């Protein structure tokens, strides 16, 4: 369980840095990273992209999924605000 939280924290923090320029805070980074892991593990094989397993592969998959998740959330937020 600790492994999932640490990968989630790292993935959420990296995605937050890429899309926002700073993180979202420790707890929200973990949540974003864990959701990103699920999104990445579903989306990448659907696109025919397979990343090696292990810590680095899991982290890369989680970061990609978290970026996609944050992009969709930001897009929906802009649509709902206008």
Protein backbone atom coordinates (compact mmCIF):
# COMPACT_ATOMS: atom_id res chain seq x y z
CA UNK A 1 0.00 0.00 0.00
CA UNK A 2 2.84 2.37 0.80
CA UNK A 3 4.28 1.68 -2.67
CA UNK A 4 1.04 2.89 -4.29
CA UNK A 5 0.97 6.06 -2.18
CA UNK A 6 4.61 6.91 -2.95
CA UNK A 7 4.17 6.34 -6.69
CA UNK A 8 0.90 8.32 -6.54
CA UNK A 9 2.58 11.19 -4.72
CA UNK A 10 5.44 11.33 -7.21
CA UNK A 11 3.16 11.03 -10.25
CA UNK A 12 0.74 13.67 -9.00
CA UNK A 13 3.58 16.05 -8.13
CA UNK A 14 5.23 15.62 -11.53
CA UNK A 15 1.93 16.07 -13.38
CA UNK A 16 1.17 19.15 -11.27
CA UNK A 17 4.57 20.60 -12.11
CA UNK A 18 4.10 19.95 -15.82
CA UNK A 19 0.59 21.35 -16.15
CA UNK A 20 0.37 23.95 -13.43
CA UNK A 21 3.93 24.92 -12.69
CA UNK A 22 3.61 23.88 -9.04
CA UNK A 23 2.10 20.99 -7.14
CA UNK A 24 -1.39 20.77 -5.71
CA UNK A 25 -0.37 19.86 -2.16
CA UNK A 26 0.61 16.49 -0.77
CA UNK A 27 -2.83 14.91 -0.34
CA UNK A 28 -4.21 16.12 -3.66
CA UNK A 29 -1.00 15.04 -5.44
CA UNK A 30 -1.49 11.51 -4.09
CA UNK A 31 -5.13 11.43 -5.22
CA UNK A 32 -4.25 12.79 -8.68
CA UNK A 33 -1.40 10.30 -9.01
CA UNK A 34 -3.53 7.32 -8.02
CA UNK A 35 -6.32 8.33 -10.40
CA UNK A 36 -3.63 8.91 -13.03
CA UNK A 37 -2.31 5.40 -12.51
CA UNK A 38 -5.73 3.96 -13.26
CA UNK A 39 -6.23 6.24 -16.26
CA UNK A 40 -2.76 5.44 -17.62
CA UNK A 41 -3.14 1.69 -17.13
CA UNK A 42 -6.42 1.78 -19.01
CA UNK A 43 -5.60 4.33 -21.72
CA UNK A 44 -2.12 3.35 -22.84
CA UNK A 45 -2.92 -0.29 -23.77
CA UNK A 46 -6.04 0.96 -25.58
CA UNK A 47 -3.72 3.10 -27.71
CA UNK A 48 -1.34 0.17 -28.27
CA UNK A 49 1.36 1.63 -26.02
CA UNK A 50 3.00 -0.76 -23.59
CA UNK A 51 5.51 0.48 -21.04
CA UNK A 52 7.73 -1.92 -19.12
CA UNK A 53 6.69 -2.91 -15.64
CA UNK A 54 8.58 -1.94 -12.51
CA UNK A 55 8.89 1.27 -10.56
CA UNK A 56 9.95 3.46 -13.49
CA UNK A 57 7.32 2.00 -15.84
CA UNK A 58 4.61 2.43 -13.23
CA UNK A 59 5.72 6.00 -12.55
CA UNK A 60 5.77 6.92 -16.26
CA UNK A 61 2.35 5.34 -16.82
CA UNK A 62 0.95 7.14 -13.76
CA UNK A 63 2.37 10.51 -14.82
CA UNK A 64 0.93 10.18 -18.32
CA UNK A 65 -2.44 9.18 -16.87
CA UNK A 66 -2.35 12.02 -14.34
CA UNK A 67 -1.55 14.54 -17.09
CA UNK A 68 -4.48 13.27 -19.16
CA UNK A 69 -6.75 13.36 -16.08
CA UNK A 70 -5.73 16.93 -15.17
CA UNK A 71 -6.11 18.06 -18.78
CA UNK A 72 -9.67 16.71 -18.91
CA UNK A 73 -10.53 18.21 -15.50
CA UNK A 74 -9.17 21.62 -16.56
CA UNK A 75 -11.05 21.41 -19.86
CA UNK A 76 -14.34 20.58 -18.11
CA UNK A 77 -13.73 23.35 -15.61
CA UNK A 78 -13.31 25.92 -18.42
CA UNK A 79 -16.42 24.65 -20.20
CA UNK A 80 -18.53 24.85 -17.04
CA UNK A 81 -17.26 28.35 -16.18
CA UNK A 82 -18.26 29.82 -19.53
